[in-house]
Amino acid sequence: MHNIGIDFDNTIVVYDNVFHKYALRAGLISPEVKKNKQAVRDAIRLLPRGNDKWTELQGLVYGKYMDEAEPTEGVEDFFRACKKNSFRVSIISHKTVYPAMGPRVDLQAAAKKWIEDRDFLSKLGLKKSDIIFEKTLSGKLARITGRKCTHFIDDLAEVLGHPDFPEGVKKILYSSNPGKNIPDDITCFEDWNAIEKYFFS
């Protein structure tokens, strides 16, 4: 039986529109910047104290404005398919409790509230015990082992390729732009429709 672990940020949830909205409102970018998290980040980092301003914006988006983030296209259908086929699914993510800068908001609590508000518990088959946020990457990797995942889906190749990534777990990269030099043991998909076909076709 498949036992699938899934990362949270930029895998289950996307922030492109939220980052663009509040960066524009704060005067950190021009309207011409694409509604894309990386494009917004790159533009802000060119400013004086750009790294600090980006860090502050991250804290606001992942905390105060978390409820405005959106599910990644197709991810809810994937969860429904997993529920229908009795696959075990866990959300296992590396997320600090408080932002490095800005208002002191519990980021893990904000993320869990988003998951509940989006009906991942009531309609998509998750239990509260299936939602795991770890303060460190090492904690995340240990949880993948502890949950006995058969597969893990992440948007970061460096996580899947980490020396401590648990052996025997099938590595799945969710990325529209995976880049070059992706190790052979990582399977890449550009969208959730393709991931769903991989498991259920």
N, C-alpha and C. Protein backbone atom coordinates (compact mmCIF):
# COMPACT_ATOMS: atom_id res chain seq x y z
N MET A 1 0.85 -1.20 0.00
CA MET A 1 0.00 0.00 0.00
C MET A 1 0.89 1.25 0.00
N HIS A 2 0.53 2.19 -0.85
CA HIS A 2 1.29 3.45 -0.91
C HIS A 2 1.05 4.29 0.35
N ASN A 3 2.11 4.90 0.81
CA ASN A 3 2.09 5.77 1.97
C ASN A 3 2.85 7.03 1.56
N ILE A 4 2.11 8.07 1.19
CA ILE A 4 2.69 9.22 0.50
C ILE A 4 2.88 10.39 1.45
N GLY A 5 4.09 10.90 1.52
CA GLY A 5 4.38 12.14 2.24
C GLY A 5 4.46 13.29 1.25
N ILE A 6 3.94 14.44 1.65
CA ILE A 6 3.92 15.59 0.76
C ILE A 6 4.37 16.84 1.51
N ASP A 7 5.28 17.57 0.90
CA ASP A 7 5.70 18.87 1.42
C ASP A 7 4.51 19.85 1.36
N PHE A 8 4.59 20.96 2.06
CA PHE A 8 3.47 21.90 2.10
C PHE A 8 3.70 23.15 1.24
N ASP A 9 4.64 24.00 1.64
CA ASP A 9 4.84 25.27 0.95
C ASP A 9 5.30 25.07 -0.49
N ASN A 10 4.58 25.71 -1.41
CA ASN A 10 4.90 25.68 -2.85
C ASN A 10 4.73 24.30 -3.48
N THR A 11 4.12 23.38 -2.72
CA THR A 11 3.81 22.05 -3.23
C THR A 11 2.30 21.83 -3.15
N ILE A 12 1.75 21.99 -1.95
CA ILE A 12 0.30 21.92 -1.76
C ILE A 12 -0.33 23.31 -1.89
N VAL A 13 0.39 24.31 -1.42
CA VAL A 13 -0.14 25.68 -1.41
C VAL A 13 0.80 26.59 -2.21
N VAL A 14 0.21 27.55 -2.92
CA VAL A 14 1.00 28.51 -3.69
C VAL A 14 0.71 29.93 -3.21
N TYR A 15 1.72 30.76 -3.30
CA TYR A 15 1.65 32.11 -2.73
C TYR A 15 1.88 33.21 -3.77
N ASP A 16 1.95 32.85 -5.04
CA ASP A 16 2.34 33.83 -6.07
C ASP A 16 1.52 35.11 -6.01
N ASN A 17 0.21 34.97 -6.00
CA ASN A 17 -0.66 36.16 -6.02
C ASN A 17 -0.57 36.96 -4.72
N VAL A 18 -0.39 36.26 -3.60
CA VAL A 18 -0.32 36.95 -2.31
C VAL A 18 0.97 37.76 -2.20
N PHE A 19 2.08 37.14 -2.59
CA PHE A 19 3.35 37.88 -2.55
C PHE A 19 3.28 39.11 -3.45
N HIS A 20 2.74 38.95 -4.65
CA HIS A 20 2.66 40.08 -5.58
C HIS A 20 1.78 41.19 -5.02
N LYS A 21 0.63 40.81 -4.48
CA LYS A 21 -0.32 41.79 -3.95
C LYS A 21 0.29 42.66 -2.86
N TYR A 22 0.95 42.02 -1.87
CA TYR A 22 1.44 42.79 -0.73
C TYR A 22 2.79 43.44 -1.00
N ALA A 23 3.56 42.91 -1.92
CA ALA A 23 4.79 43.59 -2.34
C ALA A 23 4.43 44.87 -3.08
N LEU A 24 3.41 44.78 -3.92
CA LEU A 24 2.95 45.96 -4.67
C LEU A 24 2.37 47.00 -3.73
N ARG A 25 1.57 46.53 -2.78
CA ARG A 25 0.94 47.45 -1.83
C ARG A 25 1.98 48.18 -0.98
N ALA A 26 3.09 47.48 -0.68
CA ALA A 26 4.16 48.09 0.13
C ALA A 26 5.13 48.93 -0.71
N GLY A 27 4.91 48.99 -2.00
CA GLY A 27 5.78 49.75 -2.88
C GLY A 27 7.14 49.11 -3.12
N LEU A 28 7.21 47.78 -2.96
CA LEU A 28 8.48 47.07 -3.12
C LEU A 28 8.73 46.63 -4.55
N ILE A 29 7.66 46.56 -5.36
CA ILE A 29 7.80 46.16 -6.77
C ILE A 29 6.94 47.05 -7.63
N SER A 30 7.19 47.01 -8.94
CA SER A 30 6.34 47.70 -9.90
C SER A 30 5.26 46.73 -10.39
N PRO A 31 4.15 47.25 -10.93
CA PRO A 31 3.07 46.37 -11.41
C PRO A 31 3.52 45.42 -12.52
N GLU A 32 4.63 45.75 -13.19
CA GLU A 32 5.09 44.93 -14.31
C GLU A 32 5.72 43.61 -13.86
N VAL A 33 6.11 43.52 -12.59
CA VAL A 33 6.71 42.28 -12.10
C VAL A 33 5.69 41.16 -12.18
N LYS A 34 6.09 40.00 -12.65
CA LYS A 34 5.19 38.87 -12.82
C LYS A 34 4.59 38.44 -11.49
N LYS A 35 3.38 37.89 -11.54
CA LYS A 35 2.74 37.33 -10.35
C LYS A 35 3.32 35.95 -10.10
N ASN A 36 4.55 35.99 -9.62
CA ASN A 36 5.33 34.78 -9.41
C ASN A 36 6.23 35.03 -8.22
N LYS A 37 6.20 34.10 -7.26
CA LYS A 37 6.96 34.30 -6.02
C LYS A 37 8.43 34.59 -6.29
N GLN A 38 9.05 33.83 -7.18
CA GLN A 38 10.47 34.01 -7.43
C GLN A 38 10.76 35.35 -8.09
N ALA A 39 9.88 35.78 -9.02
CA ALA A 39 10.07 37.07 -9.68
C ALA A 39 9.95 38.21 -8.67
N VAL A 40 8.99 38.08 -7.74
CA VAL A 40 8.82 39.10 -6.70
C VAL A 40 10.06 39.12 -5.79
N ARG A 41 10.51 37.94 -5.39
CA ARG A 41 11.70 37.85 -4.54
C ARG A 41 12.91 38.48 -5.21
N ASP A 42 13.14 38.14 -6.47
CA ASP A 42 14.31 38.65 -7.18
C ASP A 42 14.28 40.17 -7.29
N ALA A 43 13.09 40.73 -7.52
CA ALA A 43 12.96 42.18 -7.64
C ALA A 43 13.23 42.87 -6.30
N ILE A 44 12.68 42.31 -5.22
CA ILE A 44 12.85 42.92 -3.90
C ILE A 44 14.30 42.84 -3.44
N ARG A 45 14.97 41.77 -3.74
CA ARG A 45 16.37 41.60 -3.31
C ARG A 45 17.32 42.60 -3.95
N LEU A 46 16.89 43.25 -5.03
CA LEU A 46 17.71 44.28 -5.67
C LEU A 46 17.64 45.62 -4.93
N LEU A 47 16.68 45.75 -4.02
CA LEU A 47 16.49 47.00 -3.29
C LEU A 47 17.51 47.13 -2.16
N PRO A 48 17.74 48.34 -1.65
CA PRO A 48 18.54 48.49 -0.42
C PRO A 48 17.87 47.72 0.71
N ARG A 49 18.66 46.99 1.47
CA ARG A 49 18.13 46.10 2.52
C ARG A 49 17.13 45.11 1.93
N GLY A 50 17.36 44.72 0.69
CA GLY A 50 16.40 43.88 -0.01
C GLY A 50 16.15 42.55 0.66
N ASN A 51 17.19 41.91 1.17
CA ASN A 51 17.00 40.62 1.84
C ASN A 51 16.11 40.74 3.07
N ASP A 52 16.33 41.81 3.84
CA ASP A 52 15.51 42.04 5.03
C ASP A 52 14.05 42.29 4.65
N LYS A 53 13.86 43.08 3.60
CA LYS A 53 12.49 43.39 3.16
C LYS A 53 11.78 42.13 2.67
N TRP A 54 12.51 41.27 1.98
CA TRP A 54 11.93 40.01 1.52
C TRP A 54 11.59 39.12 2.72
N THR A 55 12.48 39.06 3.70
CA THR A 55 12.23 38.24 4.88
C THR A 55 10.99 38.73 5.64
N GLU A 56 10.84 40.05 5.74
CA GLU A 56 9.67 40.62 6.41
C GLU A 56 8.39 40.27 5.66
N LEU A 57 8.44 40.36 4.34
CA LEU A 57 7.27 40.05 3.52
C LEU A 57 6.90 38.58 3.66
N GLN A 58 7.89 37.70 3.70
CA GLN A 58 7.62 36.27 3.89
C GLN A 58 6.86 36.03 5.18
N GLY A 59 7.29 36.68 6.25
CA GLY A 59 6.63 36.51 7.54
C GLY A 59 5.16 36.92 7.49
N LEU A 60 4.87 38.00 6.75
CA LEU A 60 3.49 38.46 6.62
C LEU A 60 2.65 37.50 5.79
N VAL A 61 3.22 37.04 4.67
CA VAL A 61 2.46 36.16 3.78
C VAL A 61 2.19 34.81 4.44
N TYR A 62 3.20 34.25 5.11
CA TYR A 62 3.04 32.93 5.74
C TYR A 62 2.27 33.00 7.05
N GLY A 63 2.04 34.21 7.55
CA GLY A 63 1.33 34.38 8.82
C GLY A 63 0.03 35.14 8.65
N LYS A 64 0.10 36.45 8.72
CA LYS A 64 -1.09 37.31 8.72
C LYS A 64 -1.98 37.10 7.49
N TYR A 65 -1.35 36.89 6.32
CA TYR A 65 -2.12 36.79 5.08
C TYR A 65 -2.21 35.36 4.54
N MET A 66 -1.94 34.38 5.39
CA MET A 66 -1.92 32.98 4.97
C MET A 66 -3.26 32.55 4.38
N ASP A 67 -4.35 33.10 4.90
CA ASP A 67 -5.67 32.65 4.44
C ASP A 67 -5.94 33.03 2.99
N GLU A 68 -5.12 33.93 2.42
CA GLU A 68 -5.30 34.34 1.03
C GLU A 68 -4.53 33.44 0.05
N ALA A 69 -3.70 32.55 0.57
CA ALA A 69 -2.95 31.64 -0.30
C ALA A 69 -3.92 30.64 -0.93
N GLU A 70 -3.47 30.02 -2.02
CA GLU A 70 -4.36 29.15 -2.80
C GLU A 70 -3.80 27.73 -2.90
N PRO A 71 -4.68 26.74 -2.98
CA PRO A 71 -4.19 25.38 -3.23
C PRO A 71 -3.56 25.31 -4.62
N THR A 72 -2.50 24.56 -4.75
CA THR A 72 -1.89 24.34 -6.06
C THR A 72 -2.91 23.65 -6.97
N GLU A 73 -2.95 24.06 -8.22
CA GLU A 73 -3.92 23.50 -9.16
C GLU A 73 -3.78 21.98 -9.25
N GLY A 74 -4.88 21.29 -9.02
CA GLY A 74 -4.89 19.83 -9.14
C GLY A 74 -4.60 19.07 -7.86
N VAL A 75 -4.10 19.75 -6.83
CA VAL A 75 -3.68 19.02 -5.63
C VAL A 75 -4.88 18.45 -4.86
N GLU A 76 -5.99 19.18 -4.87
CA GLU A 76 -7.18 18.68 -4.16
C GLU A 76 -7.72 17.42 -4.85
N ASP A 77 -7.67 17.39 -6.17
CA ASP A 77 -8.09 16.18 -6.90
C ASP A 77 -7.20 15.00 -6.55
N PHE A 78 -5.90 15.27 -6.38
CA PHE A 78 -4.97 14.21 -6.00
C PHE A 78 -5.33 13.64 -4.62
N PHE A 79 -5.63 14.51 -3.67
CA PHE A 79 -6.01 14.05 -2.34
C PHE A 79 -7.31 13.23 -2.39
N ARG A 80 -8.25 13.65 -3.23
CA ARG A 80 -9.50 12.90 -3.38
C ARG A 80 -9.22 11.50 -3.92
N ALA A 81 -8.32 11.42 -4.90
CA ALA A 81 -7.97 10.12 -5.48
C ALA A 81 -7.30 9.23 -4.45
N CYS A 82 -6.45 9.83 -3.61
CA CYS A 82 -5.80 9.05 -2.55
C CYS A 82 -6.82 8.53 -1.55
N LYS A 83 -7.78 9.38 -1.19
CA LYS A 83 -8.83 8.96 -0.25
C LYS A 83 -9.65 7.82 -0.84
N LYS A 84 -10.02 7.95 -2.12
CA LYS A 84 -10.83 6.94 -2.80
C LYS A 84 -10.11 5.59 -2.84
N ASN A 85 -8.78 5.64 -3.01
CA ASN A 85 -7.99 4.41 -3.14
C ASN A 85 -7.36 3.96 -1.82
N SER A 86 -7.75 4.60 -0.73
CA SER A 86 -7.26 4.25 0.62
C SER A 86 -5.75 4.36 0.75
N PHE A 87 -5.14 5.32 0.04
CA PHE A 87 -3.72 5.60 0.22
C PHE A 87 -3.55 6.44 1.49
N ARG A 88 -2.52 6.15 2.24
CA ARG A 88 -2.21 6.98 3.40
C ARG A 88 -1.42 8.20 2.94
N VAL A 89 -1.81 9.37 3.40
CA VAL A 89 -1.14 10.61 3.00
C VAL A 89 -0.80 11.42 4.25
N SER A 90 0.43 11.93 4.28
CA SER A 90 0.86 12.82 5.37
C SER A 90 1.42 14.10 4.77
N ILE A 91 1.11 15.23 5.39
CA ILE A 91 1.79 16.48 5.07
C ILE A 91 2.96 16.60 6.04
N ILE A 92 4.17 16.63 5.51
CA ILE A 92 5.38 16.70 6.34
C ILE A 92 6.21 17.87 5.82
N SER A 93 6.33 18.90 6.61
CA SER A 93 6.94 20.14 6.13
C SER A 93 7.91 20.74 7.15
N HIS A 94 8.90 21.41 6.63
CA HIS A 94 9.86 22.16 7.45
C HIS A 94 9.38 23.60 7.50
N LYS A 95 8.94 24.04 8.68
CA LYS A 95 8.42 25.40 8.84
C LYS A 95 8.72 25.89 10.24
N THR A 96 9.39 27.03 10.35
CA THR A 96 9.68 27.60 11.66
C THR A 96 8.37 28.04 12.32
N VAL A 97 8.40 28.18 13.63
CA VAL A 97 7.19 28.59 14.35
C VAL A 97 6.94 30.08 14.16
N TYR A 98 8.00 30.90 14.27
CA TYR A 98 7.84 32.35 14.18
C TYR A 98 8.72 32.92 13.07
N PRO A 99 8.29 34.03 12.43
CA PRO A 99 9.11 34.64 11.38
C PRO A 99 10.43 35.15 11.94
N ALA A 100 11.42 35.22 11.07
CA ALA A 100 12.73 35.76 11.47
C ALA A 100 12.64 37.25 11.74
N MET A 101 11.71 37.93 11.06
CA MET A 101 11.52 39.37 11.24
C MET A 101 10.02 39.67 11.15
N GLY A 102 9.63 40.84 11.68
CA GLY A 102 8.24 41.27 11.56
C GLY A 102 7.38 40.77 12.71
N PRO A 103 6.05 40.86 12.54
CA PRO A 103 5.11 40.48 13.60
C PRO A 103 5.30 39.03 14.04
N ARG A 104 5.15 38.79 15.34
CA ARG A 104 5.34 37.46 15.90
C ARG A 104 4.05 36.65 15.77
N VAL A 105 3.91 35.98 14.63
CA VAL A 105 2.74 35.16 14.32
C VAL A 105 3.17 33.70 14.27
N ASP A 106 2.37 32.82 14.81
CA ASP A 106 2.67 31.38 14.78
C ASP A 106 2.41 30.87 13.36
N LEU A 107 3.47 30.65 12.60
CA LEU A 107 3.35 30.25 11.21
C LEU A 107 2.81 28.83 11.05
N GLN A 108 3.18 27.95 11.97
CA GLN A 108 2.68 26.58 11.90
C GLN A 108 1.17 26.55 12.15
N ALA A 109 0.72 27.33 13.13
CA ALA A 109 -0.71 27.38 13.43
C ALA A 109 -1.49 27.97 12.25
N ALA A 110 -0.92 28.99 11.60
CA ALA A 110 -1.57 29.60 10.43
C ALA A 110 -1.71 28.60 9.30
N ALA A 111 -0.66 27.78 9.09
CA ALA A 111 -0.70 26.77 8.03
C ALA A 111 -1.74 25.69 8.35
N LYS A 112 -1.78 25.25 9.60
CA LYS A 112 -2.76 24.22 9.98
C LYS A 112 -4.19 24.74 9.83
N LYS A 113 -4.40 26.01 10.16
CA LYS A 113 -5.73 26.61 10.00
C LYS A 113 -6.11 26.65 8.52
N TRP A 114 -5.14 26.98 7.66
CA TRP A 114 -5.39 27.01 6.21
C TRP A 114 -5.82 25.62 5.73
N ILE A 115 -5.13 24.58 6.19
CA ILE A 115 -5.45 23.21 5.79
C ILE A 115 -6.87 22.85 6.23
N GLU A 116 -7.23 23.22 7.44
CA GLU A 116 -8.58 22.92 7.94
C GLU A 116 -9.63 23.73 7.19
N ASP A 117 -9.36 25.02 6.97
CA ASP A 117 -10.32 25.89 6.29
C ASP A 117 -10.56 25.45 4.85
N ARG A 118 -9.57 24.81 4.24
CA ARG A 118 -9.69 24.35 2.85
C ARG A 118 -10.24 22.92 2.75
N ASP A 119 -10.74 22.41 3.86
CA ASP A 119 -11.45 21.12 3.89
C ASP A 119 -10.56 19.91 3.63
N PHE A 120 -9.26 20.02 3.86
CA PHE A 120 -8.40 18.86 3.70
C PHE A 120 -8.70 17.80 4.76
N LEU A 121 -9.28 18.23 5.88
CA LEU A 121 -9.65 17.27 6.93
C LEU A 121 -11.05 16.73 6.71
N SER A 122 -12.00 17.59 6.48
CA SER A 122 -13.40 17.15 6.42
C SER A 122 -13.74 16.43 5.12
N LYS A 123 -13.09 16.81 4.01
CA LYS A 123 -13.48 16.26 2.71
C LYS A 123 -12.38 15.47 2.00
N LEU A 124 -11.11 15.77 2.31
CA LEU A 124 -10.03 15.19 1.51
C LEU A 124 -9.26 14.09 2.24
N GLY A 125 -9.76 13.67 3.39
CA GLY A 125 -9.26 12.43 3.98
C GLY A 125 -8.15 12.53 5.00
N LEU A 126 -7.66 13.73 5.28
CA LEU A 126 -6.58 13.85 6.27
C LEU A 126 -7.13 13.84 7.69
N LYS A 127 -6.30 13.36 8.61
CA LYS A 127 -6.56 13.52 10.04
C LYS A 127 -5.56 14.54 10.59
N LYS A 128 -5.86 15.11 11.74
CA LYS A 128 -4.95 16.11 12.32
C LYS A 128 -3.56 15.52 12.56
N SER A 129 -3.51 14.23 12.87
CA SER A 129 -2.22 13.58 13.12
C SER A 129 -1.40 13.41 11.84
N ASP A 130 -2.04 13.61 10.69
CA ASP A 130 -1.33 13.51 9.41
C ASP A 130 -0.66 14.81 9.00
N ILE A 131 -0.84 15.84 9.80
CA ILE A 131 -0.29 17.17 9.48
C ILE A 131 0.88 17.44 10.41
N ILE A 132 2.09 17.45 9.84
CA ILE A 132 3.30 17.53 10.65
C ILE A 132 4.19 18.67 10.16
N PHE A 133 4.45 19.63 11.05
CA PHE A 133 5.39 20.70 10.76
C PHE A 133 6.58 20.60 11.71
N GLU A 134 7.77 20.53 11.13
CA GLU A 134 9.00 20.43 11.92
C GLU A 134 9.79 21.73 11.82
N LYS A 135 10.46 22.09 12.90
CA LYS A 135 11.22 23.34 12.93
C LYS A 135 12.50 23.27 12.10
N THR A 136 12.98 22.06 11.84
CA THR A 136 14.25 21.89 11.13
C THR A 136 14.08 20.90 9.97
N LEU A 137 15.00 21.01 9.01
CA LEU A 137 15.00 20.05 7.90
C LEU A 137 15.31 18.65 8.39
N SER A 138 16.23 18.53 9.35
CA SER A 138 16.56 17.20 9.88
C SER A 138 15.34 16.57 10.54
N GLY A 139 14.54 17.38 11.21
CA GLY A 139 13.31 16.88 11.81
C GLY A 139 12.33 16.39 10.75
N LYS A 140 12.25 17.12 9.65
CA LYS A 140 11.38 16.72 8.53
C LYS A 140 11.82 15.38 7.96
N LEU A 141 13.11 15.22 7.72
CA LEU A 141 13.62 13.98 7.14
C LEU A 141 13.39 12.80 8.09
N ALA A 142 13.55 13.05 9.39
CA ALA A 142 13.30 11.99 10.37
C ALA A 142 11.83 11.58 10.38
N ARG A 143 10.93 12.55 10.18
CA ARG A 143 9.50 12.25 10.16
C ARG A 143 9.13 11.41 8.94
N ILE A 144 9.79 11.66 7.81
CA ILE A 144 9.53 10.85 6.61
C ILE A 144 9.83 9.39 6.92
N THR A 145 10.93 9.18 7.64
CA THR A 145 11.27 7.82 8.07
C THR A 145 10.25 7.29 9.07
N GLY A 146 9.93 8.10 10.07
CA GLY A 146 9.02 7.68 11.13
C GLY A 146 7.62 7.35 10.64
N ARG A 147 7.17 8.04 9.62
CA ARG A 147 5.84 7.78 9.06
C ARG A 147 5.86 6.63 8.06
N LYS A 148 7.06 6.07 7.83
CA LYS A 148 7.22 4.93 6.90
C LYS A 148 6.67 5.25 5.51
N CYS A 149 7.03 6.45 5.01
CA CYS A 149 6.57 6.85 3.68
C CYS A 149 7.20 5.97 2.61
N THR A 150 6.39 5.61 1.63
CA THR A 150 6.90 4.89 0.46
C THR A 150 7.32 5.87 -0.63
N HIS A 151 6.68 7.05 -0.65
CA HIS A 151 6.96 8.10 -1.63
C HIS A 151 6.98 9.44 -0.90
N PHE A 152 7.79 10.38 -1.42
CA PHE A 152 7.74 11.74 -0.89
C PHE A 152 7.78 12.73 -2.04
N ILE A 153 6.85 13.71 -1.98
CA ILE A 153 6.71 14.72 -3.03
C ILE A 153 7.14 16.07 -2.47
N ASP A 154 8.08 16.72 -3.14
CA ASP A 154 8.62 18.00 -2.67
C ASP A 154 8.91 18.88 -3.88
N ASP A 155 8.91 20.21 -3.66
CA ASP A 155 9.24 21.12 -4.76
C ASP A 155 10.73 21.46 -4.79
N LEU A 156 11.50 20.95 -3.83
CA LEU A 156 12.92 21.28 -3.76
C LEU A 156 13.78 20.04 -4.00
N ALA A 157 14.55 20.08 -5.07
CA ALA A 157 15.44 18.95 -5.38
C ALA A 157 16.48 18.76 -4.30
N GLU A 158 16.89 19.87 -3.64
CA GLU A 158 17.93 19.75 -2.61
C GLU A 158 17.43 18.99 -1.38
N VAL A 159 16.13 19.01 -1.14
CA VAL A 159 15.58 18.21 -0.05
C VAL A 159 15.61 16.72 -0.42
N LEU A 160 15.12 16.42 -1.62
CA LEU A 160 15.09 15.02 -2.07
C LEU A 160 16.49 14.45 -2.24
N GLY A 161 17.45 15.31 -2.59
CA GLY A 161 18.82 14.85 -2.80
C GLY A 161 19.71 14.99 -1.58
N HIS A 162 19.13 15.34 -0.43
CA HIS A 162 19.91 15.54 0.79
C HIS A 162 20.57 14.22 1.21
N PRO A 163 21.82 14.28 1.68
CA PRO A 163 22.51 13.04 2.10
C PRO A 163 21.75 12.24 3.15
N ASP A 164 20.94 12.91 3.97
CA ASP A 164 20.20 12.21 5.02
C ASP A 164 18.77 11.84 4.62
N PHE A 165 18.43 12.06 3.36
CA PHE A 165 17.09 11.66 2.92
C PHE A 165 16.97 10.15 3.07
N PRO A 166 15.87 9.68 3.65
CA PRO A 166 15.76 8.25 3.98
C PRO A 166 15.84 7.35 2.75
N GLU A 167 16.60 6.29 2.89
CA GLU A 167 16.76 5.32 1.81
C GLU A 167 15.46 4.55 1.58
N GLY A 168 15.23 4.18 0.33
CA GLY A 168 14.08 3.35 0.00
C GLY A 168 12.80 4.12 -0.25
N VAL A 169 12.81 5.44 -0.04
CA VAL A 169 11.63 6.26 -0.28
C VAL A 169 11.71 6.80 -1.71
N LYS A 170 10.66 6.60 -2.50
CA LYS A 170 10.62 7.08 -3.87
C LYS A 170 10.55 8.61 -3.88
N LYS A 171 11.48 9.24 -4.60
CA LYS A 171 11.60 10.71 -4.60
C LYS A 171 10.86 11.29 -5.79
N ILE A 172 9.92 12.19 -5.52
CA ILE A 172 9.14 12.83 -6.58
C ILE A 172 9.27 14.34 -6.46
N LEU A 173 9.78 14.95 -7.53
CA LEU A 173 9.97 16.41 -7.56
C LEU A 173 8.80 17.05 -8.29
N TYR A 174 8.11 17.95 -7.61
CA TYR A 174 7.05 18.74 -8.24
C TYR A 174 7.65 20.09 -8.60
N SER A 175 7.87 20.32 -9.90
CA SER A 175 8.50 21.57 -10.33
C SER A 175 8.25 21.80 -11.81
N SER A 176 7.83 23.02 -12.15
CA SER A 176 7.64 23.38 -13.55
C SER A 176 8.96 23.73 -14.21
N ASN A 177 9.99 23.92 -13.39
CA ASN A 177 11.31 24.26 -13.92
C ASN A 177 12.38 23.54 -13.10
N PRO A 178 12.52 22.22 -13.29
CA PRO A 178 13.42 21.44 -12.43
C PRO A 178 14.91 21.74 -12.64
N GLY A 179 15.26 22.35 -13.77
CA GLY A 179 16.67 22.63 -14.03
C GLY A 179 17.42 21.39 -14.48
N LYS A 180 18.72 21.53 -14.51
CA LYS A 180 19.57 20.44 -14.99
C LYS A 180 20.18 19.69 -13.80
N ASN A 181 20.83 18.59 -14.13
CA ASN A 181 21.58 17.81 -13.14
C ASN A 181 20.71 17.25 -12.02
N ILE A 182 19.47 16.91 -12.35
CA ILE A 182 18.61 16.25 -11.38
C ILE A 182 19.04 14.78 -11.30
N PRO A 183 19.33 14.26 -10.11
CA PRO A 183 19.77 12.86 -9.99
C PRO A 183 18.76 11.87 -10.60
N ASP A 184 19.25 10.75 -11.05
CA ASP A 184 18.42 9.75 -11.72
C ASP A 184 17.35 9.16 -10.80
N ASP A 185 17.58 9.20 -9.49
CA ASP A 185 16.61 8.59 -8.58
C ASP A 185 15.46 9.54 -8.21
N ILE A 186 15.42 10.72 -8.83
CA ILE A 186 14.33 11.67 -8.61
C ILE A 186 13.46 11.71 -9.86
N THR A 187 12.16 11.45 -9.69
CA THR A 187 11.20 11.51 -10.78
C THR A 187 10.54 12.88 -10.78
N CYS A 188 10.55 13.58 -11.92
CA CYS A 188 10.07 14.96 -11.99
C CYS A 188 8.71 15.05 -12.67
N PHE A 189 7.84 15.87 -12.12
CA PHE A 189 6.54 16.16 -12.72
C PHE A 189 6.29 17.67 -12.66
N GLU A 190 5.66 18.20 -13.71
CA GLU A 190 5.42 19.63 -13.78
C GLU A 190 4.10 20.05 -13.15
N ASP A 191 3.17 19.11 -12.97
CA ASP A 191 1.87 19.48 -12.41
C ASP A 191 1.26 18.28 -11.68
N TRP A 192 0.20 18.59 -10.92
CA TRP A 192 -0.42 17.55 -10.11
C TRP A 192 -1.23 16.55 -10.94
N ASN A 193 -1.69 16.97 -12.10
CA ASN A 193 -2.38 16.05 -12.98
C ASN A 193 -1.45 14.91 -13.39
N ALA A 194 -0.20 15.27 -13.70
CA ALA A 194 0.78 14.25 -14.08
C ALA A 194 1.12 13.34 -12.91
N ILE A 195 1.19 13.90 -11.71
CA ILE A 195 1.46 13.09 -10.52
C ILE A 195 0.30 12.13 -10.27
N GLU A 196 -0.92 12.61 -10.44
CA GLU A 196 -2.09 11.75 -10.23
C GLU A 196 -2.08 10.59 -11.23
N LYS A 197 -1.73 10.87 -12.47
CA LYS A 197 -1.66 9.81 -13.49
C LYS A 197 -0.58 8.78 -13.13
N TYR A 198 0.52 9.27 -12.59
CA TYR A 198 1.63 8.38 -12.20
C TYR A 198 1.16 7.35 -11.18
N PHE A 199 0.35 7.79 -10.24
CA PHE A 199 -0.12 6.87 -9.19
C PHE A 199 -1.34 6.06 -9.59
N PHE A 200 -2.21 6.62 -10.40
CA PHE A 200 -3.55 6.02 -10.57
C PHE A 200 -3.91 5.61 -12.00
N SER A 201 -3.08 5.88 -12.99
CA SER A 201 -3.45 5.50 -14.35
C SER A 201 -3.34 3.99 -14.52
